[in-house]
Amino acid sequence: MELPSKLVENAVNEMSQLPGIGKRTALRLVLHLLKQPLEQTEELTTALASMRKDIQFCITCHTISDAEICTICANAARDKSIICVVEDVRDVMAIENTNMFKGVYHVLGGKISPIEGIGPSQLKITSLVEKVKEGTVAEIIFALSSTMEGDTTNFYIYKQIKEFQIKTSTIARGIAVGDELEYADEVTLGRSLLNRIPFETSIKQ
């Protein structure tokens, strides 16, 4: 794509690296920004730079946070004995939007995928097992995507915590097999949480 300005070209190239943004869409966004007041563009760049520099990860559940402990973990009204295990922060947002879950979360940061070179040691599994060892956890809910990688990760964690005799469950298959959690509608996702089944039952099916 030949552009009359190297500055615009550089901006388009950077913008097009974002997921789902091609060169044409990036160009439209860049040209839109050029039409806006300079102050608005500066506010955008400041917000992005500040987010990238100051964002933290909750030391308890590993979701993104503005502080050392996220607002969910810091909320005294949440049931800390029920932990919903998810792949990433997008899944936390999806479940929170249902307003049906009152426990807390544990964000793994991915799922086991040998093809992509992701093993258990690269995920936040050890800290989850440590929580279980502390004896304050009553139930672990597996809410990973219903894919082969998700099921493999669920089973691996299950084997790590099985000896502690706590309740393990998985969200009901109102979520179609192979679907990513973040794309499920709120009603279906909420019902899947409420109708969760024992994890042992799911691996026998």
Protein backbone atom coordinates (compact mmCIF):
# COMPACT_ATOMS: atom_id res chain seq x y z
CA MET A 1 0.00 0.00 0.00
CA GLU A 2 1.65 3.19 -1.28
CA LEU A 3 0.97 6.20 0.94
CA PRO A 4 1.98 9.83 0.38
CA SER A 5 3.28 10.14 3.96
CA LYS A 6 5.85 7.97 5.71
CA LEU A 7 4.40 9.08 9.06
CA VAL A 8 0.95 7.83 8.07
CA GLU A 9 2.44 4.65 6.64
CA ASN A 10 4.23 3.91 9.93
CA ALA A 11 1.03 4.52 11.90
CA VAL A 12 -0.93 2.22 9.56
CA ASN A 13 1.69 -0.51 9.85
CA GLU A 14 1.56 -0.39 13.65
CA MET A 15 -2.25 -0.27 13.75
CA SER A 16 -2.58 -3.21 11.35
CA GLN A 17 -0.70 -5.45 13.80
CA LEU A 18 -3.77 -5.43 16.08
CA PRO A 19 -6.01 -8.55 15.90
CA GLY A 20 -8.68 -8.28 13.22
CA ILE A 21 -7.28 -5.05 11.81
CA GLY A 22 -6.12 -5.19 8.20
CA LYS A 23 -4.23 -2.51 6.31
CA ARG A 24 -7.39 -0.90 4.87
CA THR A 25 -9.12 -0.73 8.26
CA ALA A 26 -5.92 0.57 9.84
CA LEU A 27 -5.76 3.32 7.21
CA ARG A 28 -9.37 4.35 7.91
CA LEU A 29 -8.63 4.53 11.64
CA VAL A 30 -5.46 6.56 11.11
CA LEU A 31 -7.19 9.00 8.76
CA HIS A 32 -10.04 9.31 11.29
CA LEU A 33 -7.53 10.20 14.02
CA LEU A 34 -6.02 12.86 11.75
CA LYS A 35 -9.43 14.55 11.55
CA GLN A 36 -9.85 14.68 15.32
CA PRO A 37 -8.57 17.48 17.57
CA LEU A 38 -4.93 16.96 18.57
CA GLU A 39 -5.93 16.82 22.24
CA GLN A 40 -8.17 13.80 21.61
CA THR A 41 -5.38 11.88 19.92
CA GLU A 42 -2.99 12.77 22.72
CA GLU A 43 -5.51 11.51 25.30
CA LEU A 44 -5.73 8.22 23.40
CA THR A 45 -1.98 7.75 23.24
CA THR A 46 -1.60 8.70 26.91
CA ALA A 47 -4.30 6.21 27.94
CA LEU A 48 -2.65 3.40 25.94
CA ALA A 49 0.83 4.20 27.26
CA SER A 50 -0.43 4.43 30.83
CA MET A 51 -2.30 1.13 30.53
CA ARG A 52 0.73 -0.67 29.14
CA LYS A 53 3.06 0.80 31.77
CA ASP A 54 0.90 0.65 34.90
CA ILE A 55 -1.34 -2.41 34.44
CA GLN A 56 -0.81 -5.12 37.04
CA PHE A 57 -1.81 -8.74 37.47
CA CYS A 58 -3.66 -9.70 40.62
CA ILE A 59 -1.34 -11.63 42.93
CA THR A 60 -4.24 -13.87 43.93
CA CYS A 61 -6.11 -14.76 40.74
CA HIS A 62 -3.76 -13.41 38.01
CA THR A 63 -6.37 -11.31 36.19
CA ILE A 64 -5.52 -7.78 35.06
CA SER A 65 -5.87 -5.16 37.75
CA ASP A 66 -5.10 -1.57 38.66
CA ALA A 67 -3.83 -2.69 42.06
CA GLU A 68 -1.94 -5.59 43.62
CA ILE A 69 -5.26 -7.32 44.38
CA CYS A 70 -8.13 -7.05 41.89
CA THR A 71 -11.58 -5.75 42.83
CA ILE A 72 -13.12 -9.24 42.67
CA CYS A 73 -10.61 -10.82 45.07
CA ALA A 74 -10.83 -7.77 47.34
CA ASN A 75 -14.63 -7.96 47.51
CA ALA A 76 -15.61 -9.39 50.90
CA ALA A 77 -18.98 -10.47 49.49
CA ARG A 78 -17.39 -12.96 47.08
CA ASP A 79 -17.21 -16.61 48.14
CA LYS A 80 -13.47 -17.33 48.25
CA SER A 81 -14.10 -21.06 48.73
CA ILE A 82 -15.39 -21.46 45.15
CA ILE A 83 -12.80 -20.91 42.42
CA CYS A 84 -13.69 -20.76 38.73
CA VAL A 85 -10.68 -21.71 36.59
CA VAL A 86 -10.52 -19.87 33.26
CA GLU A 87 -8.06 -19.43 30.44
CA ASP A 88 -7.71 -15.64 30.35
CA VAL A 89 -9.21 -12.32 31.43
CA ARG A 90 -11.73 -12.31 28.57
CA ASP A 91 -13.39 -15.33 30.17
CA VAL A 92 -13.56 -13.53 33.53
CA MET A 93 -15.34 -10.64 31.81
CA ALA A 94 -17.74 -13.00 30.02
CA ILE A 95 -18.72 -14.78 33.24
CA GLU A 96 -18.99 -11.53 35.23
CA ASN A 97 -21.43 -10.21 32.63
CA THR A 98 -23.84 -13.03 33.55
CA ASN A 99 -24.11 -11.75 37.16
CA MET A 100 -24.64 -15.37 38.21
CA PHE A 101 -21.29 -16.28 39.73
CA LYS A 102 -20.41 -15.09 43.22
CA GLY A 103 -17.15 -16.95 43.75
CA VAL A 104 -13.66 -15.93 42.63
CA TYR A 105 -11.46 -16.80 39.67
CA HIS A 106 -8.10 -18.27 38.80
CA VAL A 107 -6.69 -17.20 35.43
CA LEU A 108 -4.31 -19.77 33.96
CA GLY A 109 -3.01 -17.55 31.19
CA GLY A 110 -3.63 -20.16 28.50
CA LYS A 111 -4.14 -23.88 28.15
CA ILE A 112 -1.85 -26.86 27.64
CA SER A 113 -1.03 -27.17 23.94
CA PRO A 114 1.99 -29.29 22.94
CA ILE A 115 1.58 -28.18 19.32
CA GLU A 116 2.11 -24.55 20.38
CA GLY A 117 4.82 -25.51 22.84
CA ILE A 118 2.74 -24.61 25.91
CA GLY A 119 3.22 -26.95 28.85
CA PRO A 120 1.89 -26.96 32.43
CA SER A 121 4.93 -25.06 33.73
CA GLN A 122 4.05 -22.08 31.54
CA LEU A 123 0.59 -21.74 33.06
CA LYS A 124 -0.55 -20.56 36.51
CA ILE A 125 -1.29 -24.10 37.68
CA THR A 126 1.15 -24.34 40.60
CA SER A 127 -0.41 -21.37 42.40
CA LEU A 128 -3.87 -22.95 41.98
CA VAL A 129 -2.66 -26.19 43.56
CA GLU A 130 -1.15 -24.17 46.43
CA LYS A 131 -4.55 -22.56 47.07
CA VAL A 132 -6.11 -26.00 47.31
CA LYS A 133 -3.38 -27.18 49.68
CA GLU A 134 -4.22 -24.32 52.06
CA GLY A 135 -7.52 -26.07 52.81
CA THR A 136 -9.84 -23.10 52.26
CA VAL A 137 -11.16 -24.17 48.83
CA ALA A 138 -14.44 -26.11 48.73
CA GLU A 139 -14.97 -26.32 44.98
CA ILE A 140 -13.04 -25.89 41.74
CA ILE A 141 -15.12 -25.12 38.65
CA PHE A 142 -13.40 -25.88 35.35
CA ALA A 143 -14.58 -23.26 32.84
CA LEU A 144 -12.09 -23.68 30.02
CA SER A 145 -13.18 -23.83 26.39
CA SER A 146 -14.55 -27.25 25.42
CA THR A 147 -11.68 -28.08 23.08
CA MET A 148 -9.11 -30.86 23.22
CA GLU A 149 -6.58 -28.45 24.75
CA GLY A 150 -9.14 -27.24 27.30
CA ASP A 151 -10.08 -30.79 28.29
CA THR A 152 -6.42 -31.78 28.55
CA THR A 153 -5.74 -28.83 30.85
CA ASN A 154 -8.78 -29.64 32.99
CA PHE A 155 -7.68 -33.25 33.40
CA TYR A 156 -4.10 -32.30 34.23
CA ILE A 157 -5.26 -29.95 37.01
CA TYR A 158 -7.77 -32.53 38.24
CA LYS A 159 -4.97 -35.05 38.70
CA GLN A 160 -2.92 -32.49 40.64
CA ILE A 161 -5.70 -31.78 43.16
CA LYS A 162 -7.56 -35.10 43.25
CA GLU A 163 -5.90 -36.26 46.49
CA PHE A 164 -7.26 -33.23 48.41
CA GLN A 165 -10.85 -34.48 48.22
CA ILE A 166 -12.46 -31.20 47.19
CA LYS A 167 -15.46 -30.85 44.90
CA THR A 168 -14.58 -30.44 41.23
CA SER A 169 -17.13 -29.51 38.59
CA THR A 170 -17.24 -28.33 35.00
CA ILE A 171 -19.68 -25.98 33.32
CA ALA A 172 -22.58 -27.76 31.64
CA ARG A 173 -22.28 -28.31 27.92
CA GLY A 174 -24.73 -25.59 27.04
CA ILE A 175 -21.52 -24.29 25.49
CA ALA A 176 -21.08 -26.14 22.20
CA VAL A 177 -18.05 -28.41 21.93
CA GLY A 178 -15.20 -26.46 20.36
CA ASP A 179 -16.64 -23.06 21.23
CA GLU A 180 -14.59 -20.37 22.93
CA LEU A 181 -16.10 -19.18 26.21
CA GLU A 182 -15.87 -15.48 25.41
CA TYR A 183 -18.23 -15.83 22.43
CA ALA A 184 -21.05 -17.54 24.36
CA ASP A 185 -24.15 -15.46 25.03
CA GLU A 186 -24.69 -14.40 28.64
CA VAL A 187 -27.82 -16.49 29.23
CA THR A 188 -26.22 -19.72 27.96
CA LEU A 189 -23.02 -19.09 29.87
CA GLY A 190 -24.91 -18.25 33.06
CA ARG A 191 -27.01 -21.41 32.85
CA SER A 192 -23.89 -23.47 32.17
CA LEU A 193 -22.42 -22.22 35.44
CA LEU A 194 -25.60 -22.84 37.43
CA ASN A 195 -26.02 -26.32 35.94
CA ARG A 196 -22.41 -27.37 36.33
CA ILE A 197 -21.74 -31.09 36.73
CA PRO A 198 -19.13 -33.05 38.73
CA PHE A 199 -15.88 -33.15 36.79
CA GLU A 200 -15.57 -36.90 37.34
CA THR A 201 -18.85 -37.31 35.46
CA SER A 202 -17.60 -35.27 32.50
CA ILE A 203 -14.48 -37.39 31.97
CA LYS A 204 -16.48 -40.61 32.00
CA GLN A 205 -18.81 -39.46 29.21
